[in-house]
């Protein structure tokens, strides 16, 4: 049985304003909470723009760089952040991203949805229990 996914084109009838709204929500949450726009944008792209899970993840990855640059410009301009810590995180993140993107290209949508959902539940529980 072959699993079908949508292409990177949104579902018919999905407007550019819907996509811009999804981007606005992801960028806002990323800038405010540092959670990464994908945490917000991936579910919104799947639910409201009807992207397949894999495509939503891939598009979110492509959006990370401009989102990060915009947030860094504001936050860094205010004299916040530690560049040495950021450099250390970047080294690990680049290596991890290569491995993760390789798995993203191969994993079935069902596995991606389950892994993403479990991650979101664990993250939410951690935040609630920590507070």
N, C-alpha and C. Protein backbone atom coordinates (compact mmCIF):
# COMPACT_ATOMS: atom_id res chain seq x y z
N UNK A 1 0.85 -1.18 0.00
CA UNK A 1 0.00 0.00 0.00
C UNK A 1 0.89 1.23 0.00
N UNK A 2 0.66 2.13 -0.92
CA UNK A 2 1.45 3.35 -1.03
C UNK A 2 0.75 4.47 -0.29
N UNK A 3 1.51 5.17 0.53
CA UNK A 3 0.95 6.29 1.27
C UNK A 3 1.00 7.53 0.40
N UNK A 4 -0.10 8.26 0.35
CA UNK A 4 -0.12 9.48 -0.45
C UNK A 4 0.00 10.68 0.47
N UNK A 5 0.67 11.69 -0.03
CA UNK A 5 0.77 12.96 0.69
C UNK A 5 0.48 14.07 -0.30
N UNK A 6 0.16 15.23 0.22
CA UNK A 6 -0.04 16.35 -0.67
C UNK A 6 1.31 16.89 -1.10
N UNK A 7 1.30 17.66 -2.15
CA UNK A 7 2.53 18.31 -2.58
C UNK A 7 2.71 19.56 -1.75
N UNK A 8 3.71 20.36 -2.09
CA UNK A 8 3.94 21.58 -1.35
C UNK A 8 2.94 22.67 -1.72
N UNK A 9 2.02 22.37 -2.59
CA UNK A 9 0.96 23.32 -2.90
C UNK A 9 -0.15 23.13 -1.87
N UNK A 10 -0.65 24.22 -1.30
CA UNK A 10 -1.74 24.08 -0.33
C UNK A 10 -3.00 23.58 -1.01
N UNK A 11 -3.95 23.16 -0.23
CA UNK A 11 -5.21 22.67 -0.76
C UNK A 11 -5.88 23.76 -1.58
N UNK A 12 -6.62 23.32 -2.57
CA UNK A 12 -7.35 24.28 -3.40
C UNK A 12 -8.20 25.16 -2.50
N UNK A 13 -8.17 26.43 -2.76
CA UNK A 13 -8.97 27.36 -1.97
C UNK A 13 -8.22 27.95 -0.78
N UNK A 14 -7.01 27.47 -0.49
CA UNK A 14 -6.24 28.06 0.61
C UNK A 14 -5.65 29.37 0.10
N UNK A 15 -6.02 30.43 0.73
CA UNK A 15 -5.59 31.74 0.26
C UNK A 15 -4.20 32.10 0.76
N UNK A 16 -3.60 33.04 0.08
CA UNK A 16 -2.30 33.55 0.52
C UNK A 16 -2.44 34.23 1.88
N UNK A 17 -3.60 34.80 2.16
CA UNK A 17 -3.79 35.44 3.46
C UNK A 17 -3.83 34.39 4.58
N UNK A 18 -4.34 33.20 4.29
CA UNK A 18 -4.31 32.11 5.28
C UNK A 18 -2.87 31.72 5.55
N UNK A 19 -2.09 31.57 4.48
CA UNK A 19 -0.68 31.23 4.65
C UNK A 19 0.07 32.33 5.39
N UNK A 20 -0.22 33.58 5.06
CA UNK A 20 0.42 34.70 5.76
C UNK A 20 0.03 34.70 7.23
N UNK A 21 -1.22 34.37 7.52
CA UNK A 21 -1.67 34.30 8.92
C UNK A 21 -0.96 33.20 9.69
N UNK A 22 -0.76 32.06 9.04
CA UNK A 22 -0.02 30.96 9.66
C UNK A 22 1.42 31.41 9.94
N UNK A 23 2.03 32.07 8.96
CA UNK A 23 3.38 32.59 9.15
C UNK A 23 3.45 33.63 10.25
N UNK A 24 2.45 34.50 10.32
CA UNK A 24 2.41 35.52 11.37
C UNK A 24 2.34 34.87 12.75
N UNK A 25 1.48 33.88 12.89
CA UNK A 25 1.35 33.18 14.18
C UNK A 25 2.66 32.48 14.54
N UNK A 26 3.27 31.81 13.58
CA UNK A 26 4.53 31.12 13.85
C UNK A 26 5.65 32.07 14.19
N UNK A 27 5.76 33.15 13.44
CA UNK A 27 6.80 34.13 13.71
C UNK A 27 6.61 34.82 15.05
N UNK A 28 5.37 35.17 15.36
CA UNK A 28 5.07 35.82 16.65
C UNK A 28 5.46 34.92 17.82
N UNK A 29 5.01 33.66 17.75
CA UNK A 29 5.31 32.73 18.85
C UNK A 29 6.80 32.43 18.94
N UNK A 30 7.46 32.36 17.80
CA UNK A 30 8.89 32.12 17.79
C UNK A 30 9.63 33.28 18.42
N UNK A 31 9.27 34.51 18.03
CA UNK A 31 9.92 35.68 18.59
C UNK A 31 9.62 35.87 20.06
N UNK A 32 8.39 35.59 20.47
CA UNK A 32 7.98 35.80 21.85
C UNK A 32 8.50 34.72 22.79
N UNK A 33 8.35 33.46 22.37
CA UNK A 33 8.64 32.34 23.27
C UNK A 33 9.88 31.54 22.90
N UNK A 34 10.43 31.80 21.71
CA UNK A 34 11.61 31.05 21.28
C UNK A 34 11.31 29.57 21.07
N UNK A 35 10.07 29.25 20.74
CA UNK A 35 9.69 27.84 20.62
C UNK A 35 9.95 27.27 19.25
N UNK A 36 10.33 28.11 18.33
CA UNK A 36 10.50 27.63 16.96
C UNK A 36 9.17 27.70 16.25
N UNK A 37 9.15 28.38 15.14
CA UNK A 37 7.91 28.56 14.41
C UNK A 37 7.24 27.27 14.02
N UNK A 38 8.01 26.20 13.86
CA UNK A 38 7.43 24.92 13.46
C UNK A 38 6.45 24.36 14.45
N UNK A 39 6.65 24.67 15.71
CA UNK A 39 5.74 24.16 16.74
C UNK A 39 4.34 24.71 16.52
N UNK A 40 4.26 25.89 15.96
CA UNK A 40 2.98 26.51 15.68
C UNK A 40 2.59 26.29 14.22
N UNK A 41 3.54 26.52 13.32
CA UNK A 41 3.21 26.50 11.89
C UNK A 41 2.88 25.11 11.36
N UNK A 42 3.56 24.08 11.82
CA UNK A 42 3.30 22.74 11.29
C UNK A 42 1.85 22.32 11.51
N UNK A 43 1.34 22.37 12.75
CA UNK A 43 -0.06 21.97 12.90
C UNK A 43 -1.03 22.88 12.14
N UNK A 44 -0.74 24.18 12.08
CA UNK A 44 -1.63 25.08 11.35
C UNK A 44 -1.61 24.80 9.85
N UNK A 45 -0.44 24.48 9.29
CA UNK A 45 -0.36 24.15 7.86
C UNK A 45 -1.11 22.86 7.56
N UNK A 46 -1.02 21.88 8.45
CA UNK A 46 -1.72 20.61 8.25
C UNK A 46 -3.23 20.81 8.37
N UNK A 47 -3.65 21.54 9.39
CA UNK A 47 -5.08 21.69 9.65
C UNK A 47 -5.78 22.67 8.71
N UNK A 48 -5.17 23.82 8.46
CA UNK A 48 -5.87 24.87 7.74
C UNK A 48 -5.46 25.01 6.27
N UNK A 49 -4.25 24.59 5.92
CA UNK A 49 -3.81 24.69 4.53
C UNK A 49 -3.76 23.32 3.87
N UNK A 50 -4.04 22.27 4.64
CA UNK A 50 -4.13 20.90 4.13
C UNK A 50 -2.83 20.37 3.53
N UNK A 51 -1.69 20.83 4.06
CA UNK A 51 -0.42 20.26 3.63
C UNK A 51 -0.28 18.88 4.25
N UNK A 52 0.46 18.01 3.59
CA UNK A 52 0.84 16.75 4.20
C UNK A 52 1.84 17.02 5.32
N UNK A 53 1.95 16.10 6.25
CA UNK A 53 2.82 16.29 7.40
C UNK A 53 4.27 16.56 6.98
N UNK A 54 4.79 15.77 6.07
CA UNK A 54 6.18 15.93 5.63
C UNK A 54 6.40 17.30 4.99
N UNK A 55 5.48 17.70 4.12
CA UNK A 55 5.62 19.00 3.46
C UNK A 55 5.55 20.14 4.47
N UNK A 56 4.66 20.03 5.45
CA UNK A 56 4.56 21.08 6.48
C UNK A 56 5.87 21.19 7.26
N UNK A 57 6.47 20.07 7.61
CA UNK A 57 7.76 20.10 8.32
C UNK A 57 8.84 20.72 7.45
N UNK A 58 8.89 20.32 6.19
CA UNK A 58 9.93 20.82 5.29
C UNK A 58 9.79 22.33 5.06
N UNK A 59 8.58 22.79 4.87
CA UNK A 59 8.35 24.22 4.66
C UNK A 59 8.70 25.00 5.93
N UNK A 60 8.36 24.44 7.08
CA UNK A 60 8.70 25.09 8.34
C UNK A 60 10.21 25.22 8.50
N UNK A 61 10.94 24.18 8.11
CA UNK A 61 12.40 24.25 8.17
C UNK A 61 12.93 25.38 7.29
N UNK A 62 12.35 25.55 6.12
CA UNK A 62 12.79 26.62 5.22
C UNK A 62 12.49 28.00 5.80
N UNK A 63 11.44 28.10 6.60
CA UNK A 63 11.05 29.39 7.18
C UNK A 63 11.87 29.76 8.41
N UNK A 64 12.60 28.81 8.99
CA UNK A 64 13.32 29.07 10.24
C UNK A 64 14.36 30.17 10.10
N UNK A 65 15.10 30.18 9.00
CA UNK A 65 16.20 31.14 8.87
C UNK A 65 15.69 32.59 8.88
N UNK A 66 14.74 32.97 8.02
CA UNK A 66 14.28 34.36 8.09
C UNK A 66 13.60 34.71 9.41
N UNK A 67 12.87 33.76 10.00
CA UNK A 67 12.24 34.00 11.30
C UNK A 67 13.32 34.28 12.34
N UNK A 68 14.35 33.46 12.35
CA UNK A 68 15.45 33.62 13.31
C UNK A 68 16.18 34.94 13.12
N UNK A 69 16.46 35.29 11.88
CA UNK A 69 17.17 36.54 11.60
C UNK A 69 16.37 37.74 12.12
N UNK A 70 15.07 37.73 11.89
CA UNK A 70 14.24 38.84 12.36
C UNK A 70 14.25 38.93 13.88
N UNK A 71 14.11 37.79 14.55
CA UNK A 71 14.09 37.79 16.02
C UNK A 71 15.46 38.17 16.60
N UNK A 72 16.54 37.67 15.98
CA UNK A 72 17.88 37.99 16.45
C UNK A 72 18.16 39.48 16.30
N UNK A 73 17.70 40.07 15.20
CA UNK A 73 17.93 41.50 14.97
C UNK A 73 17.32 42.33 16.10
N UNK A 74 16.13 41.97 16.53
CA UNK A 74 15.47 42.72 17.60
C UNK A 74 16.10 42.40 18.95
N UNK A 75 16.21 41.12 19.26
CA UNK A 75 16.72 40.70 20.57
C UNK A 75 18.19 41.06 20.72
N UNK A 76 18.98 40.79 19.70
CA UNK A 76 20.40 41.12 19.74
C UNK A 76 20.62 42.62 19.77
N UNK A 77 19.78 43.35 19.08
CA UNK A 77 19.87 44.81 19.09
C UNK A 77 19.62 45.39 20.47
N UNK A 78 18.92 44.65 21.30
CA UNK A 78 18.66 45.09 22.67
C UNK A 78 19.78 44.66 23.61
N UNK A 79 20.87 44.07 23.04
CA UNK A 79 22.01 43.67 23.87
C UNK A 79 21.80 42.37 24.62
N UNK A 80 20.89 41.55 24.16
CA UNK A 80 20.60 40.27 24.82
C UNK A 80 21.24 39.13 24.06
N UNK A 81 21.50 38.05 24.75
CA UNK A 81 22.01 36.84 24.10
C UNK A 81 23.50 36.65 24.33
N UNK A 82 23.91 35.42 24.29
CA UNK A 82 25.31 35.04 24.48
C UNK A 82 25.79 34.34 23.22
N UNK A 83 26.65 35.00 22.46
CA UNK A 83 27.09 34.47 21.18
C UNK A 83 27.88 33.17 21.32
N UNK A 84 28.64 32.99 22.39
CA UNK A 84 29.39 31.74 22.57
C UNK A 84 28.45 30.57 22.81
N UNK A 85 27.45 30.78 23.60
CA UNK A 85 26.45 29.73 23.83
C UNK A 85 25.72 29.42 22.53
N UNK A 86 25.33 30.48 21.80
CA UNK A 86 24.64 30.29 20.52
C UNK A 86 25.52 29.52 19.53
N UNK A 87 26.82 29.80 19.51
CA UNK A 87 27.73 29.09 18.60
C UNK A 87 27.79 27.60 18.95
N UNK A 88 27.85 27.29 20.23
CA UNK A 88 27.86 25.90 20.66
C UNK A 88 26.58 25.17 20.28
N UNK A 89 25.46 25.83 20.46
CA UNK A 89 24.17 25.24 20.07
C UNK A 89 24.11 25.03 18.56
N UNK A 90 24.65 25.98 17.82
CA UNK A 90 24.60 25.92 16.36
C UNK A 90 25.37 24.71 15.83
N UNK A 91 26.52 24.43 16.40
CA UNK A 91 27.30 23.28 15.95
C UNK A 91 26.49 21.99 16.09
N UNK A 92 25.93 21.79 17.25
CA UNK A 92 25.11 20.60 17.47
C UNK A 92 23.85 20.60 16.63
N UNK A 93 23.21 21.76 16.49
CA UNK A 93 21.96 21.85 15.75
C UNK A 93 22.16 21.54 14.27
N UNK A 94 23.26 22.01 13.69
CA UNK A 94 23.51 21.75 12.27
C UNK A 94 23.70 20.25 12.04
N UNK A 95 24.45 19.62 12.90
CA UNK A 95 24.65 18.17 12.77
C UNK A 95 23.34 17.42 12.97
N UNK A 96 22.58 17.81 13.98
CA UNK A 96 21.30 17.16 14.23
C UNK A 96 20.29 17.40 13.13
N UNK A 97 20.30 18.60 12.56
CA UNK A 97 19.36 18.93 11.49
C UNK A 97 19.61 18.08 10.24
N UNK A 98 20.86 17.83 9.94
CA UNK A 98 21.18 16.99 8.77
C UNK A 98 20.60 15.59 8.96
N UNK A 99 20.78 15.05 10.14
CA UNK A 99 20.26 13.71 10.42
C UNK A 99 18.73 13.72 10.42
N UNK A 100 18.15 14.71 11.10
CA UNK A 100 16.70 14.80 11.17
C UNK A 100 16.05 15.00 9.81
N UNK A 101 16.64 15.85 8.97
CA UNK A 101 16.08 16.09 7.64
C UNK A 101 16.17 14.82 6.78
N UNK A 102 17.23 14.04 6.98
CA UNK A 102 17.34 12.77 6.26
C UNK A 102 16.22 11.82 6.65
N UNK A 103 15.90 11.78 7.94
CA UNK A 103 14.79 10.93 8.40
C UNK A 103 13.45 11.49 7.93
N UNK A 104 13.31 12.81 7.93
CA UNK A 104 12.07 13.44 7.47
C UNK A 104 11.75 13.01 6.04
N UNK A 105 12.77 12.93 5.21
CA UNK A 105 12.57 12.57 3.81
C UNK A 105 12.08 11.14 3.63
N UNK A 106 12.34 10.28 4.62
CA UNK A 106 12.03 8.86 4.49
C UNK A 106 10.84 8.39 5.32
N UNK A 107 10.53 9.07 6.40
CA UNK A 107 9.51 8.59 7.33
C UNK A 107 8.11 8.78 6.76
N UNK A 108 7.24 7.80 6.98
CA UNK A 108 5.85 7.94 6.55
C UNK A 108 5.14 9.05 7.33
N UNK A 109 4.14 9.68 6.71
CA UNK A 109 3.40 10.75 7.37
C UNK A 109 2.84 10.31 8.72
N UNK A 110 2.35 9.10 8.79
CA UNK A 110 1.75 8.62 10.05
C UNK A 110 2.78 8.62 11.18
N UNK A 111 4.00 8.21 10.89
CA UNK A 111 5.07 8.20 11.90
C UNK A 111 5.44 9.63 12.28
N UNK A 112 5.52 10.52 11.29
CA UNK A 112 5.83 11.93 11.57
C UNK A 112 4.76 12.56 12.47
N UNK A 113 3.49 12.30 12.16
CA UNK A 113 2.40 12.85 12.97
C UNK A 113 2.48 12.33 14.40
N UNK A 114 2.71 11.04 14.57
CA UNK A 114 2.80 10.46 15.91
C UNK A 114 4.00 11.03 16.67
N UNK A 115 5.16 11.09 16.03
CA UNK A 115 6.36 11.61 16.70
C UNK A 115 6.17 13.07 17.08
N UNK A 116 5.60 13.87 16.18
CA UNK A 116 5.38 15.29 16.47
C UNK A 116 4.38 15.45 17.61
N UNK A 117 3.30 14.69 17.58
CA UNK A 117 2.29 14.76 18.63
C UNK A 117 2.85 14.36 19.98
N UNK A 118 3.63 13.30 20.03
CA UNK A 118 4.24 12.86 21.29
C UNK A 118 5.20 13.93 21.80
N UNK A 119 6.01 14.50 20.91
CA UNK A 119 6.92 15.57 21.31
C UNK A 119 6.14 16.74 21.92
N UNK A 120 5.05 17.14 21.27
CA UNK A 120 4.25 18.27 21.76
C UNK A 120 3.66 17.96 23.13
N UNK A 121 3.19 16.74 23.33
CA UNK A 121 2.63 16.37 24.64
C UNK A 121 3.69 16.39 25.73
N UNK A 122 4.86 15.85 25.43
CA UNK A 122 5.96 15.84 26.41
C UNK A 122 6.39 17.26 26.73
N UNK A 123 6.51 18.11 25.71
CA UNK A 123 6.90 19.50 25.93
C UNK A 123 5.87 20.21 26.80
N UNK A 124 4.59 20.01 26.49
CA UNK A 124 3.54 20.66 27.26
C UNK A 124 3.54 20.18 28.70
N UNK A 125 3.66 18.89 28.91
CA UNK A 125 3.68 18.34 30.27
C UNK A 125 4.89 18.86 31.05
N UNK A 126 6.02 18.96 30.40
CA UNK A 126 7.23 19.47 31.06
C UNK A 126 7.02 20.91 31.52
N UNK A 127 6.43 21.73 30.67
CA UNK A 127 6.20 23.14 31.01
C UNK A 127 5.21 23.25 32.17
N UNK A 128 4.13 22.48 32.11
CA UNK A 128 3.12 22.54 33.16
C UNK A 128 3.69 22.05 34.50
N UNK A 129 4.41 20.94 34.47
CA UNK A 129 4.94 20.36 35.70
C UNK A 129 6.08 21.20 36.30
N UNK A 130 6.79 21.90 35.46
CA UNK A 130 7.89 22.73 35.92
C UNK A 130 7.39 23.96 36.67
N UNK A 131 6.25 24.48 36.25
CA UNK A 131 5.71 25.73 36.81
C UNK A 131 5.13 25.50 38.14
